[in-house]
Protein backbone atom coordinates (compact mmCIF):
# COMPACT_ATOMS: atom_id res chain seq x y z
CA MET A 1 -63.03 -39.62 -80.86
CA GLU A 2 -63.94 -36.01 -80.02
CA PRO A 3 -62.50 -33.26 -82.21
CA ALA A 4 -59.81 -31.06 -80.69
CA SER A 5 -61.12 -27.88 -79.15
CA GLN A 6 -60.45 -24.68 -81.06
CA ASN A 7 -59.94 -21.52 -79.02
CA PHE A 8 -60.50 -18.02 -80.42
CA GLN A 9 -58.81 -15.29 -78.36
CA ILE A 10 -59.09 -11.51 -78.81
CA PHE A 11 -58.34 -8.40 -76.74
CA VAL A 12 -60.77 -5.54 -76.09
CA ARG A 13 -59.70 -1.98 -75.15
CA PHE A 14 -61.98 0.55 -73.40
CA PRO A 15 -60.24 3.94 -73.80
CA GLU A 16 -63.37 5.98 -73.03
CA PHE A 17 -64.53 3.92 -70.04
CA ARG A 18 -61.31 3.85 -68.01
CA ILE A 19 -61.45 0.06 -67.92
CA PRO A 20 -58.25 -2.00 -68.37
CA THR A 21 -57.84 -4.08 -71.49
CA ARG A 22 -59.49 -7.47 -71.32
CA ALA A 23 -58.49 -10.75 -72.93
CA LEU A 24 -61.47 -12.81 -74.13
CA ILE A 25 -61.16 -16.50 -75.00
CA PHE A 26 -63.93 -18.29 -76.89
CA GLN A 27 -63.76 -22.08 -76.84
CA ASN A 28 -65.30 -23.61 -79.97
CA PRO A 29 -67.20 -20.38 -80.72
CA ASN A 30 -70.61 -20.62 -82.31
CA PRO A 31 -70.47 -19.54 -85.99
CA ASN A 32 -73.48 -17.31 -85.29
CA LEU A 33 -71.66 -15.40 -82.55
CA THR A 34 -71.26 -11.71 -83.56
CA LEU A 35 -70.02 -8.44 -82.12
CA HIS A 36 -73.60 -7.65 -81.10
CA HIS A 37 -73.54 -10.60 -78.71
CA LEU A 38 -70.15 -9.46 -77.44
CA LYS A 39 -71.54 -6.02 -76.56
CA SER A 40 -74.47 -7.64 -74.76
CA SER A 41 -72.09 -9.73 -72.66
CA LEU A 42 -69.86 -6.78 -71.79
CA PHE A 43 -72.57 -4.24 -70.95
CA PRO A 44 -76.08 -5.06 -69.76
CA THR A 45 -78.93 -3.39 -71.64
CA ASN A 46 -80.05 -1.33 -68.69
CA SER A 47 -76.60 0.36 -68.26
CA ILE A 48 -75.63 1.63 -71.72
CA PRO A 49 -77.71 1.34 -74.92
CA HIS A 50 -76.02 -1.01 -77.35
CA SER A 51 -76.70 1.43 -80.21
CA SER A 52 -74.28 3.88 -78.56
CA LEU A 53 -71.41 1.39 -78.71
CA PHE A 54 -69.34 0.34 -81.69
CA PHE A 55 -66.10 -1.59 -82.23
CA THR A 56 -63.09 -0.57 -84.37
CA LEU A 57 -60.15 -2.58 -85.63
CA ASN A 58 -57.01 -0.68 -86.62
CA GLY A 59 -59.06 2.52 -86.76
CA LYS A 60 -61.80 1.05 -88.98
CA PRO A 61 -65.33 0.66 -87.57
CA LEU A 62 -66.83 -2.82 -87.58
CA PRO A 63 -70.55 -3.54 -87.99
CA ASP A 64 -72.36 -5.38 -85.20
CA SER A 65 -73.02 -8.30 -87.56
CA THR A 66 -69.30 -9.20 -87.79
CA PRO A 67 -68.93 -12.84 -86.70
CA LEU A 68 -66.53 -14.07 -84.05
CA SER A 69 -65.21 -17.41 -85.30
CA GLN A 70 -62.28 -18.92 -87.15
CA LYS A 71 -63.74 -17.64 -90.44
CA SER A 72 -64.19 -14.13 -89.09
CA PRO A 73 -62.36 -11.17 -90.69
CA ILE A 74 -61.07 -10.55 -87.17
CA ALA A 75 -57.84 -12.51 -86.83
CA PRO A 76 -57.06 -14.32 -83.59
CA LEU A 77 -55.16 -12.26 -80.99
CA SER A 78 -56.46 -9.03 -82.60
CA THR A 79 -57.18 -5.98 -80.44
CA LEU A 80 -60.65 -4.43 -80.73
CA THR A 81 -61.44 -0.99 -79.39
CA LEU A 82 -64.86 -0.23 -77.99
CA HIS A 83 -66.05 3.35 -78.46
CA LEU A 84 -69.01 5.33 -77.22
CA ARG A 85 -71.03 7.08 -79.92
CA PHE A 86 -72.48 10.51 -79.03
CA ASN A 87 -75.57 11.28 -81.07
CA GLY A 88 -76.72 14.76 -81.99
CA GLY A 89 -75.30 18.20 -81.23
CA GLY A 90 -72.64 18.01 -83.93
CA GLY A 91 -69.04 16.96 -83.51
CA ASP A 92 -70.07 13.32 -83.18
CA GLY A 93 -68.40 12.22 -86.40
CA GLY A 94 -71.70 11.67 -88.17
CA ALA A 95 -71.01 14.24 -90.91
CA THR A 96 -67.33 14.47 -91.84
CA GLY A 97 -67.51 16.05 -95.27
CA ALA A 98 -65.54 13.08 -96.59
CA GLU A 99 -66.75 10.36 -98.92
CA SER A 100 -66.79 7.85 -96.09
CA ARG A 101 -65.91 7.54 -92.46
CA ASP A 102 -62.89 5.50 -93.50
CA CYS A 103 -61.35 8.55 -95.24
CA TYR A 104 -61.90 10.59 -92.11
CA LEU A 105 -60.23 8.03 -89.86
CA ASN A 106 -57.31 7.54 -92.24
CA MET A 107 -56.71 11.28 -92.28
CA TYR A 108 -56.09 11.26 -88.53
CA ALA A 109 -54.31 7.92 -88.60
CA ILE A 110 -51.32 9.53 -90.37
CA LYS A 111 -48.63 10.06 -87.79
CA LYS A 112 -47.37 13.61 -87.66
CA PRO A 113 -43.60 14.13 -87.51
CA ASP A 114 -42.30 14.43 -84.00
CA LYS A 115 -40.93 17.78 -82.91
CA ALA A 116 -37.20 17.99 -82.40
CA ASP A 117 -36.20 17.39 -78.82
CA PRO A 118 -34.38 20.51 -77.55
CA ASN A 119 -32.11 18.35 -75.38
CA GLU A 120 -31.07 16.28 -78.39
CA MET A 121 -30.40 19.44 -80.41
CA ARG A 122 -28.25 20.82 -77.59
CA LEU A 123 -26.23 17.60 -77.27
CA SER A 124 -25.75 17.43 -81.04
CA LYS A 125 -24.33 20.96 -81.05
CA TRP A 126 -21.76 20.08 -78.37
CA LEU A 127 -20.85 16.52 -79.34
CA ASN A 128 -21.04 16.63 -83.17
CA CYS A 129 -19.19 18.48 -85.91
CA SER A 130 -21.02 21.66 -86.97
CA LEU A 131 -20.32 20.87 -90.64
CA SER A 132 -20.65 17.09 -91.08
CA ASN A 133 -22.84 16.45 -87.98
CA GLU A 134 -20.60 13.45 -87.19
CA PRO A 135 -19.35 12.81 -83.63
CA LEU A 136 -16.36 14.93 -82.68
CA ARG A 137 -13.03 13.13 -82.94
CA HIS A 138 -9.49 14.43 -82.73
CA PRO A 139 -8.15 16.53 -84.33
CA VAL A 140 -10.87 19.03 -83.42
CA VAL A 141 -10.79 22.72 -84.37
CA ILE A 142 -12.87 25.74 -83.47
CA ASP A 143 -13.55 28.85 -85.53
CA LYS A 144 -13.46 32.41 -84.25
CA LEU A 145 -17.20 32.35 -83.48
CA GLY A 146 -16.97 29.31 -81.17
CA ASN A 147 -18.25 26.57 -83.51
CA LEU A 148 -16.72 23.09 -83.23
CA PHE A 149 -15.54 21.11 -86.27
CA ASN A 150 -13.73 17.94 -87.14
CA LYS A 151 -10.61 19.30 -88.81
CA GLU A 152 -10.74 16.69 -91.57
CA ALA A 153 -14.30 17.64 -92.55
CA LEU A 154 -13.55 21.38 -92.49
CA VAL A 155 -10.38 21.10 -94.57
CA GLU A 156 -12.20 18.91 -97.07
CA GLY A 157 -14.94 21.52 -97.35
CA LEU A 158 -12.35 24.24 -97.99
CA LEU A 159 -10.57 22.23 -100.67
CA LYS A 160 -13.82 21.36 -102.46
CA LYS A 161 -15.18 24.90 -101.90
CA SER A 162 -18.38 23.38 -100.56
CA LEU A 163 -18.68 25.27 -97.27
CA PRO A 164 -22.18 26.62 -96.57
CA LYS A 165 -22.69 30.35 -96.85
CA GLN A 166 -22.95 30.69 -93.07
CA TYR A 167 -19.28 29.65 -92.77
CA GLY A 168 -18.06 31.90 -95.58
CA TYR A 169 -15.76 33.76 -93.19
CA ILE A 170 -13.53 30.67 -92.94
CA LYS A 171 -10.95 31.07 -95.70
CA GLY A 172 -8.10 28.82 -94.58
CA LEU A 173 -6.13 27.28 -91.73
CA LYS A 174 -5.51 30.70 -90.20
CA ASP A 175 -9.23 30.91 -89.37
CA MET A 176 -9.12 27.64 -87.36
CA ILE A 177 -7.88 27.09 -83.82
CA ALA A 178 -6.83 23.57 -82.83
CA VAL A 179 -8.38 22.59 -79.47
CA ASP A 180 -7.71 19.73 -77.07
CA LEU A 181 -10.86 18.20 -75.56
CA ALA A 182 -10.38 16.05 -72.44
CA GLU A 183 -12.23 12.74 -72.78
CA ILE A 184 -14.16 11.18 -69.90
CA PRO A 185 -12.29 8.05 -68.80
CA GLY A 186 -14.12 4.88 -69.81
CA ALA A 187 -16.62 6.62 -72.12
CA ARG A 188 -14.93 5.28 -75.24
CA GLU A 189 -15.35 1.71 -74.00
CA VAL A 190 -19.12 2.16 -73.86
CA GLY A 191 -19.10 3.25 -77.50
CA THR A 192 -19.68 7.00 -77.15
CA VAL A 193 -16.91 9.53 -76.78
CA LYS A 194 -17.75 12.22 -74.23
CA PHE A 195 -15.68 15.11 -72.95
CA GLN A 196 -15.33 16.98 -69.67
CA CYS A 197 -13.51 19.83 -67.99
CA PRO A 198 -10.12 18.50 -66.80
CA ILE A 199 -10.21 20.86 -63.79
CA ALA A 200 -13.80 20.92 -62.49
CA GLY A 201 -14.89 17.57 -63.97
CA VAL A 202 -18.20 18.93 -65.35
CA GLU A 203 -19.43 17.27 -68.54
CA PHE A 204 -19.05 18.91 -71.94
CA ASN A 205 -22.76 18.79 -72.88
CA GLY A 206 -24.06 22.37 -72.97
CA ASN A 207 -25.21 22.58 -69.36
CA TYR A 208 -22.04 24.48 -68.46
CA LYS A 209 -20.13 27.27 -70.19
CA PHE A 210 -16.76 26.30 -71.67
CA PHE A 211 -13.86 28.36 -72.99
CA ALA A 212 -11.02 27.50 -75.36
CA LEU A 213 -7.64 29.18 -74.90
CA LYS A 214 -6.42 30.47 -78.26
CA SER A 215 -2.81 30.51 -77.04
CA CYS A 216 -2.57 26.77 -76.30
CA GLY A 217 -5.89 25.22 -77.39
CA HIS A 218 -6.90 23.66 -74.05
CA VAL A 219 -10.61 23.66 -73.22
CA MET A 220 -11.87 24.29 -69.70
CA SER A 221 -15.17 25.22 -68.10
CA ALA A 222 -15.99 28.61 -66.62
CA LYS A 223 -16.38 26.80 -63.30
CA GLY A 224 -12.78 25.55 -63.56
CA PHE A 225 -11.47 29.07 -64.25
CA LYS A 226 -13.47 30.34 -61.28
CA GLU A 227 -12.28 27.68 -58.85
CA VAL A 228 -8.59 28.06 -59.73
CA LYS A 229 -7.79 31.64 -60.63
CA SER A 230 -4.56 31.90 -62.56
CA SER A 231 -3.05 33.87 -65.44
CA ALA A 232 -1.53 30.66 -66.83
CA CYS A 233 -3.18 27.60 -68.35
CA LEU A 234 -3.97 25.10 -65.62
CA ILE A 235 -2.91 22.22 -67.88
CA CYS A 236 0.22 23.33 -69.73
CA HIS A 237 0.99 26.40 -67.51
CA LYS A 238 1.33 28.68 -70.54
CA GLU A 239 0.57 32.34 -69.87
CA PHE A 240 -2.59 33.74 -71.49
CA ALA A 241 -4.49 37.02 -71.57
CA GLU A 242 -8.18 37.45 -70.94
CA SER A 243 -8.68 38.13 -74.66
CA ASP A 244 -7.35 34.61 -75.41
CA LYS A 245 -10.47 33.03 -73.86
CA LEU A 246 -12.91 32.08 -76.64
CA VAL A 247 -16.39 30.98 -75.57
CA ILE A 248 -17.64 27.73 -77.15
CA ASN A 249 -21.21 27.65 -78.52
CA GLY A 250 -21.96 30.94 -76.84
CA SER A 251 -25.29 32.70 -76.53
CA GLU A 252 -26.69 34.98 -79.22
CA ASP A 253 -25.19 38.09 -77.61
CA GLU A 254 -21.79 36.41 -77.17
CA VAL A 255 -21.72 35.28 -80.80
CA LYS A 256 -22.68 38.79 -81.91
CA GLU A 257 -19.76 40.22 -79.91
CA LEU A 258 -17.36 37.69 -81.45
CA TRP A 259 -18.62 38.59 -84.93
CA GLU A 260 -17.92 42.29 -84.27
CA LYS A 261 -14.37 41.44 -83.20
CA LEU A 262 -13.91 39.29 -86.29
CA THR A 263 -15.14 42.12 -88.51
CA GLU A 264 -12.71 44.57 -86.87
CA GLU A 265 -9.80 42.17 -87.37
CA LYS A 266 -10.63 41.75 -91.06
CA ALA A 267 -10.95 45.53 -91.48
CA LYS A 268 -7.50 46.06 -89.92
CA ALA A 269 -6.02 43.37 -92.14
CA ASN A 270 -7.50 45.01 -95.24
CA ASN A 271 -6.14 48.41 -94.18
CA GLY A 272 -2.70 46.86 -93.73
CA LYS A 273 -2.83 45.43 -97.25
CA LYS A 274 -3.85 48.81 -98.67
CA SER A 275 -1.00 50.61 -96.89
CA LYS A 276 1.43 47.98 -98.18
CA LYS A 277 0.19 48.57 -101.71
CA LEU A 278 0.66 52.31 -101.24
CA ARG A 279 4.23 51.75 -100.06
CA ASN A 280 4.88 49.58 -103.07
CA GLY A 281 3.41 52.35 -105.23
CA ASP A 282 5.86 54.90 -103.72
CA ALA A 283 8.74 52.58 -104.51
CA LYS A 284 7.57 52.31 -108.09
CA GLY A 285 7.31 56.10 -108.22
CA GLU A 286 10.95 56.37 -107.17
CA GLU A 287 11.98 53.98 -109.93
CA VAL A 288 10.07 56.05 -112.46
CA ALA A 289 11.75 59.16 -111.13
CA LYS A 290 15.16 57.54 -111.55
CA LEU A 291 14.36 56.62 -115.14
CA ALA A 292 13.21 60.19 -115.73
CA GLY A 293 16.60 61.51 -114.69
CA THR A 294 15.84 62.53 -111.14
CA LYS A 295 18.25 60.07 -109.55
CA HIS A 296 20.21 61.62 -106.67
CA GLY A 297 18.02 64.73 -106.89
CA ILE A 298 19.19 65.82 -110.37
CA GLU A 299 16.50 67.13 -112.70
CA GLY A 300 16.43 66.52 -116.43
CA ASN A 301 17.88 69.97 -117.08
CA GLY A 302 20.92 69.22 -114.92
CA VAL A 303 19.75 71.27 -111.94
CA LYS A 304 20.05 69.53 -108.57
CA SER A 305 16.89 69.56 -106.46
CA ASN A 306 16.29 69.02 -102.76
CA GLY A 307 14.98 65.76 -101.28
CA LYS A 308 11.37 66.90 -101.10
CA GLU A 309 11.21 67.67 -104.80
CA SER A 310 13.08 64.56 -105.95
CA THR A 311 9.91 63.10 -107.47
CA LYS A 312 9.30 66.13 -109.69
CA LYS A 313 8.35 65.19 -113.22
CA PHE A 314 11.01 65.46 -115.92
CA LYS A 315 10.55 68.49 -118.15
CA ALA A 316 12.41 68.61 -121.42
CA THR A 317 13.93 72.01 -122.39
CA ALA A 318 15.73 73.07 -125.58
CA PRO A 319 19.52 73.36 -125.48
CA ALA A 320 20.93 76.85 -125.48
CA ASN A 321 22.51 76.59 -128.97
CA ALA A 322 19.43 75.13 -130.69
CA THR A 323 16.68 77.14 -132.25
CA LYS A 324 13.09 76.43 -131.40
CA ALA A 325 12.29 75.31 -134.97
CA VAL A 326 15.10 72.73 -134.99
CA TYR A 327 14.20 71.38 -131.55
CA ASP A 328 10.50 71.19 -132.36
CA SER A 329 11.25 69.22 -135.51
CA ILE A 330 12.66 66.39 -133.39
CA PHE A 331 9.36 65.70 -131.60
CA THR A 332 6.73 67.15 -133.95
CA SER A 333 6.34 67.73 -137.62
CA SER A 334 7.47 71.27 -138.42
CA LYS A 335 5.99 71.13 -141.94
CA LYS A 336 2.90 73.24 -142.13
CA LYS A 337 -0.11 72.02 -143.91
CA SER A 338 -0.78 73.63 -147.29
CA ASP A 339 -3.46 76.21 -147.37
CA PHE A 340 -6.29 74.65 -149.25
CA LYS A 341 -9.98 74.22 -148.85
CA GLU A 342 -11.87 70.97 -148.81
CA THR A 343 -15.26 70.35 -150.27
CA TYR A 344 -18.17 69.43 -148.08
CA SER A 345 -18.90 66.25 -149.98
CA CYS A 346 -15.34 64.82 -150.06
CA ARG A 347 -12.81 65.89 -147.45
CA SER A 348 -10.16 63.53 -148.90
CA LEU A 349 -9.83 65.46 -152.20
CA PRO A 350 -8.89 69.04 -151.40
CA LEU A 351 -9.14 71.67 -154.10
CA GLY A 352 -5.98 72.77 -155.87
CA ARG A 353 -4.11 69.49 -155.24
CA ASN A 354 -4.20 68.39 -158.91
């Protein structure tokens, strides 16, 4: 009974020869069959010198004496790559400065991190929360610079005081504006929630400019505002001013303009607080004046003053029938110190006291 045939199949790539990958099947291969014989079968001697060709497996070069059989270090169905060696002139990989050619190949075998896709970054900015980077889901809020947030994530960051420094201008709920994003019908069934302009139908993905109305919170595209010109919201018909339109994820210049407006608003608010404190200080001054005896414009000496001088400080004066010595004795000590001299070494023991 004849033994069952054993097939040994491999694949050979030719990246430098512009030849498609070949599948080679060896039926009951000879144990003496090596890569040198394989090169001879692929390229005749008169076309390319065999010394200029070498095989690699997973980036590692293989010697020509490597056998092609079941006991070969080359596993069945492996993919070999045939390279062309360029001798002389430098840059041929002969001198790498490394301990071995294997170190050199491994250095370039490390996959470098892929660069961020600008389209993915743009979509993430429009479809994800700026704080948690999770997909936007209602309730959604927007800050005064046009950044989108999941309200739950933003409130949690405020309570835990864990907001990044770049969002330090958000102090509470007054710095958030609730917005209403119109979902694309059927998008939720696919598994991804996407939004659109309810008027123009353009997708909320960064390819079009969108505005949020601070008065009602509805979000529409600039194209929708342009197609239907109105001073009222096209969804809820609430009147709005041009200053109520807040651009979402605006350009660098638009964000800079919004930041200037935000700074002006905070400056006005701080000035209002200062003026309120000053008014409270005037009220306290009036109470002090009343305690000092200036209530109803009457000074401490019983003389009535006009309204402008009602806050004049109280000045104590001696009664007409009291001498200056008696009156001074009430507030200060009228006893004069004895005339004596003190020594330089001990001021607490004046001379003549004994």
